[in-house]
C-alpha cells in the first residue's frame, strides 16, 4: 500500500471521528482525535512534493494551533483562534499575489463576477449583521477577521476566473470551505447555537485544509482557452 493512500485512509477515519464527536458531543474523544488531522495533512503534503514550501508549513501550523486553542480552556483562547486563522488568511494573500497574471476577462466573465460580487457582499453583510451584536469585546477582532475573509474569497474567485488552472480551482475551493466553516462557526457562537452549524463547521474545516494541500500539489498550468 502506498504511503499516500494509507494517509488518506487515516484522514477519512480521523475526519469521520471528528464529525461524529461533534454530532454526539463527545468532547473528551474529540480532544485527542482532532489534533491528529493537521499532522496527517502535513504528511500527505510532505509525501506528495519533492520540495516543501516553508510558508505553507506555517499555514498548516497555524491551522493546527487554531484547532488546539479551540479545544483547550485558557484565558482568551478564542482570541488566539481568531489570530491564528487571521494570520493564516493573510499569508494566503501572498499566494494570490504570487500566482497573479495579467487580467484577461471576457464580457461574460465580467457579468458573472459582478453578480458574484453583489451576492457575496450581501451574504457577508448579513453574517456580520447577525453576529456583531453579541461579539462584545472581541468585536474588533471579529470584524477584521470577516473583512479579511471577505477580500480573500473575492481574490480567489477573480483569480480563478482569470486563470482557470487546476491550482487556482483548488485554492478557490479551499477558501470557499473556510468561508462556509467560519460562517457556521460564527452563527453558532454569536447568533443561534445549533448542532447543525457545529457539524457543518467540523466537515468544512477539514475539507478546507485538504483542498489547501491539493492546491499546493496541483499544476499551475492555465486551462483557459486563448482567443485566436
Protein backbone atom coordinates (compact mmCIF):
# COMPACT_ATOMS: atom_id res chain seq x y z
CA UNK A 1 0.00 0.00 0.00
CA UNK A 2 1.38 3.41 -0.97
CA UNK A 3 2.10 5.77 1.89
CA UNK A 4 -0.21 8.48 0.50
CA UNK A 5 -3.06 6.00 0.23
CA UNK A 6 -2.54 5.00 3.85
CA UNK A 7 -2.51 8.65 4.94
CA UNK A 8 -5.77 9.29 3.07
CA UNK A 9 -7.38 6.29 4.76
CA UNK A 10 -6.26 7.60 8.16
CA UNK A 11 -7.63 11.04 7.26
CA UNK A 12 -11.01 9.54 6.37
CA UNK A 13 -11.08 7.68 9.69
CA UNK A 14 -9.95 10.61 11.85
CA UNK A 15 -12.09 13.10 9.93
CA UNK A 16 -15.14 10.86 10.29
CA UNK A 17 -14.45 10.50 14.01
CA UNK A 18 -14.13 14.29 14.37
CA UNK A 19 -17.53 14.83 12.76
CA UNK A 20 -19.04 12.02 14.86
CA UNK A 21 -17.60 13.50 18.03
CA UNK A 22 -19.12 16.86 17.13
CA UNK A 23 -22.52 15.35 16.32
CA UNK A 24 -22.64 13.29 19.52
CA UNK A 25 -20.86 15.88 21.67
CA UNK A 26 -18.02 13.54 22.62
CA UNK A 27 -15.75 16.37 23.69
CA UNK A 28 -13.23 14.17 25.52
CA UNK A 29 -12.62 11.95 22.49
CA UNK A 30 -12.53 14.99 20.19
CA UNK A 31 -9.76 16.46 22.36
CA UNK A 32 -7.49 13.58 21.31
CA UNK A 33 -8.73 12.97 17.74
CA UNK A 34 -8.95 16.46 16.24
CA UNK A 35 -5.27 17.47 16.80
CA UNK A 36 -4.20 14.48 14.66
CA UNK A 37 -5.83 15.76 11.45
CA UNK A 38 -3.48 18.62 10.54
CA UNK A 39 -0.33 16.47 11.12
CA UNK A 40 -1.86 13.93 8.73
CA UNK A 41 -2.45 16.70 6.17
CA UNK A 42 1.18 17.70 6.65
CA UNK A 43 2.28 14.13 5.96
CA UNK A 44 0.09 14.00 2.83
CA UNK A 45 1.74 17.19 1.61
CA UNK A 46 5.23 16.02 2.59
CA UNK A 47 4.97 12.77 0.62
CA UNK A 48 3.37 14.47 -2.41
CA UNK A 49 6.04 17.06 -3.24
CA UNK A 50 9.76 16.99 -3.93
CA UNK A 51 10.42 20.28 -2.16
CA UNK A 52 8.33 21.71 0.66
CA UNK A 53 7.20 25.32 0.86
CA UNK A 54 8.17 26.71 4.30
CA UNK A 55 5.44 29.36 4.13
CA UNK A 56 2.81 26.71 3.51
CA UNK A 57 4.14 24.76 6.51
CA UNK A 58 3.47 27.88 8.60
CA UNK A 59 -0.12 27.87 7.31
CA UNK A 60 -0.54 24.25 8.41
CA UNK A 61 0.99 25.11 11.80
CA UNK A 62 -1.48 27.98 12.23
CA UNK A 63 -4.39 25.67 11.37
CA UNK A 64 -3.08 23.22 13.95
CA UNK A 65 -2.78 25.95 16.60
CA UNK A 66 -6.31 27.11 15.78
CA UNK A 67 -7.59 23.59 16.49
CA UNK A 68 -5.67 23.43 19.76
CA UNK A 69 -6.90 26.81 21.00
CA UNK A 70 -10.49 25.75 20.27
CA UNK A 71 -10.07 22.62 22.38
CA UNK A 72 -8.22 24.00 25.42
CA UNK A 73 -9.80 26.06 28.18
CA UNK A 74 -7.47 29.03 28.71
CA UNK A 75 -8.00 32.77 29.02
CA UNK A 76 -8.66 34.49 25.68
CA UNK A 77 -8.38 31.16 23.82
CA UNK A 78 -10.97 32.29 21.26
CA UNK A 79 -8.94 35.42 20.52
CA UNK A 80 -5.95 33.17 19.85
CA UNK A 81 -8.11 31.14 17.45
CA UNK A 82 -9.02 34.30 15.56
CA UNK A 83 -5.40 35.44 15.46
CA UNK A 84 -4.19 32.05 14.21
CA UNK A 85 -6.60 31.94 11.31
CA UNK A 86 -6.28 35.67 10.59
CA UNK A 87 -2.53 35.24 10.07
CA UNK A 88 -3.23 32.11 8.02
CA UNK A 89 -5.58 34.02 5.69
CA UNK A 90 -3.17 36.95 5.39
CA UNK A 91 -0.45 34.54 4.24
CA UNK A 92 -2.86 33.11 1.65
CA UNK A 93 -2.98 36.58 0.08
CA UNK A 94 0.68 36.03 -0.77
CA UNK A 95 -0.28 33.09 -2.99
CA UNK A 96 -2.83 35.28 -4.77
CA UNK A 97 -0.03 37.76 -5.44
CA UNK A 98 2.48 35.06 -6.38
CA UNK A 99 0.12 33.46 -8.92
CA UNK A 100 -1.06 36.76 -10.37
CA UNK A 101 -1.29 37.01 -14.15
CA UNK A 102 -2.44 39.99 -16.26
CA UNK A 103 -6.21 40.34 -16.20
CA UNK A 104 -7.94 38.74 -19.19
CA UNK A 105 -11.70 38.78 -18.58
CA UNK A 106 -14.30 38.33 -21.29
CA UNK A 107 -17.57 40.29 -21.19
CA UNK A 108 -19.34 37.19 -19.84
CA UNK A 109 -16.68 36.86 -17.12
CA UNK A 110 -17.29 40.45 -16.06
CA UNK A 111 -21.04 39.87 -15.78
CA UNK A 112 -20.54 36.73 -13.69
CA UNK A 113 -18.02 38.48 -11.45
CA UNK A 114 -20.35 41.44 -10.94
CA UNK A 115 -23.19 39.13 -9.89
CA UNK A 116 -20.85 37.23 -7.58
CA UNK A 117 -19.54 40.45 -6.02
CA UNK A 118 -23.02 41.76 -5.24
CA UNK A 119 -24.24 38.40 -3.88
CA UNK A 120 -21.14 37.77 -1.75
CA UNK A 121 -21.20 41.33 -0.37
CA UNK A 122 -24.85 40.86 0.63
CA UNK A 123 -24.14 37.48 2.28
CA UNK A 124 -21.11 38.84 4.16
CA UNK A 125 -23.14 41.80 5.43
CA UNK A 126 -25.97 39.55 6.59
CA UNK A 127 -23.50 37.37 8.52
CA UNK A 128 -21.98 40.48 10.08
CA UNK A 129 -25.39 41.90 10.96
CA UNK A 130 -26.49 38.62 12.58
CA UNK A 131 -23.36 38.17 14.69
CA UNK A 132 -21.91 41.59 15.53
CA UNK A 133 -24.43 42.35 18.29
CA UNK A 134 -23.11 39.62 20.63
CA UNK A 135 -19.38 39.85 19.90
CA UNK A 136 -18.87 42.32 22.76
CA UNK A 137 -15.18 42.95 23.50
CA UNK A 138 -13.88 40.78 20.64
CA UNK A 139 -15.86 42.73 18.04
CA UNK A 140 -12.76 44.47 16.54
CA UNK A 141 -11.12 41.05 16.05
CA UNK A 142 -14.29 39.55 14.60
CA UNK A 143 -14.92 42.40 12.16
CA UNK A 144 -11.29 42.40 10.99
CA UNK A 145 -11.48 38.64 10.52
CA UNK A 146 -14.66 38.93 8.43
CA UNK A 147 -13.19 41.66 6.22
CA UNK A 148 -10.02 39.65 5.56
CA UNK A 149 -12.00 36.51 4.66
CA UNK A 150 -14.38 38.61 2.54
CA UNK A 151 -11.48 40.03 0.50
CA UNK A 152 -9.69 36.67 0.28
CA UNK A 153 -12.73 34.97 -1.23
CA UNK A 154 -13.15 37.78 -3.76
CA UNK A 155 -9.49 37.47 -4.71
CA UNK A 156 -9.76 33.68 -5.08
CA UNK A 157 -12.83 33.92 -7.35
CA UNK A 158 -11.38 36.70 -9.50
CA UNK A 159 -8.09 34.81 -9.89
CA UNK A 160 -9.78 31.55 -10.85
CA UNK A 161 -11.94 33.23 -13.49
CA UNK A 162 -8.82 34.89 -14.88
CA UNK A 163 -6.51 31.84 -14.86
CA UNK A 164 -8.75 28.76 -14.71
CA UNK A 165 -5.96 26.39 -13.70
CA UNK A 166 -6.41 23.33 -11.51
CA UNK A 167 -4.25 25.05 -8.89
CA UNK A 168 -6.42 28.18 -8.79
CA UNK A 169 -9.52 25.97 -8.65
CA UNK A 170 -8.28 24.08 -5.58
CA UNK A 171 -7.34 27.38 -3.95
CA UNK A 172 -10.83 28.75 -4.60
CA UNK A 173 -12.49 25.60 -3.23
CA UNK A 174 -10.28 25.73 -0.12
CA UNK A 175 -11.21 29.36 0.57
CA UNK A 176 -14.89 28.60 -0.07
CA UNK A 177 -14.72 25.81 2.51
CA UNK A 178 -13.12 28.20 5.00
CA UNK A 179 -15.96 30.65 4.31
CA UNK A 180 -18.64 28.01 4.95
CA UNK A 181 -16.86 26.66 8.03
CA UNK A 182 -16.23 30.06 9.61
CA UNK A 183 -19.72 31.33 8.79
CA UNK A 184 -21.32 28.36 10.53
CA UNK A 185 -18.97 28.74 13.48
CA UNK A 186 -19.82 32.44 13.83
CA UNK A 187 -23.57 31.85 13.51
CA UNK A 188 -23.42 29.07 16.09
CA UNK A 189 -21.40 31.11 18.57
CA UNK A 190 -22.89 34.58 18.12
CA UNK A 191 -26.37 34.08 16.64
CA UNK A 192 -28.26 30.80 17.18
CA UNK A 193 -26.45 27.83 18.81
CA UNK A 194 -27.28 24.74 16.75
CA UNK A 195 -25.69 21.34 16.43
CA UNK A 196 -26.20 21.56 12.65
CA UNK A 197 -23.87 24.56 12.48
CA UNK A 198 -21.27 22.68 14.54
CA UNK A 199 -21.41 19.64 12.26
CA UNK A 200 -21.11 21.73 9.09
CA UNK A 201 -18.21 23.64 10.63
CA UNK A 202 -16.45 20.39 11.51
CA UNK A 203 -16.86 18.94 8.00
CA UNK A 204 -15.85 22.01 6.02
CA UNK A 205 -12.92 22.92 8.25
CA UNK A 206 -11.35 19.56 7.44
CA UNK A 207 -12.15 19.91 3.74
CA UNK A 208 -10.61 23.39 3.65
CA UNK A 209 -7.22 22.15 4.79
CA UNK A 210 -7.42 19.14 2.47
CA UNK A 211 -8.08 21.38 -0.53
CA UNK A 212 -5.23 23.67 0.51
CA UNK A 213 -2.92 20.66 0.27
CA UNK A 214 -4.42 19.84 -3.13
CA UNK A 215 -3.71 23.43 -4.17
CA UNK A 216 -0.03 23.06 -3.27
CA UNK A 217 0.47 19.75 -5.08
CA UNK A 218 -1.54 20.56 -8.24
CA UNK A 219 -0.41 22.06 -11.52
CA UNK A 220 -0.36 25.85 -12.05
CA UNK A 221 -0.78 25.48 -15.82
CA UNK A 222 -3.63 27.62 -17.12
CA UNK A 223 -6.52 25.76 -18.73
CA UNK A 224 -8.15 28.91 -20.08
CA UNK A 225 -8.72 28.99 -23.82
CA UNK A 226 -6.99 31.86 -25.51
CA UNK A 227 -8.61 33.93 -28.20
CA UNK A 228 -7.14 33.32 -31.64
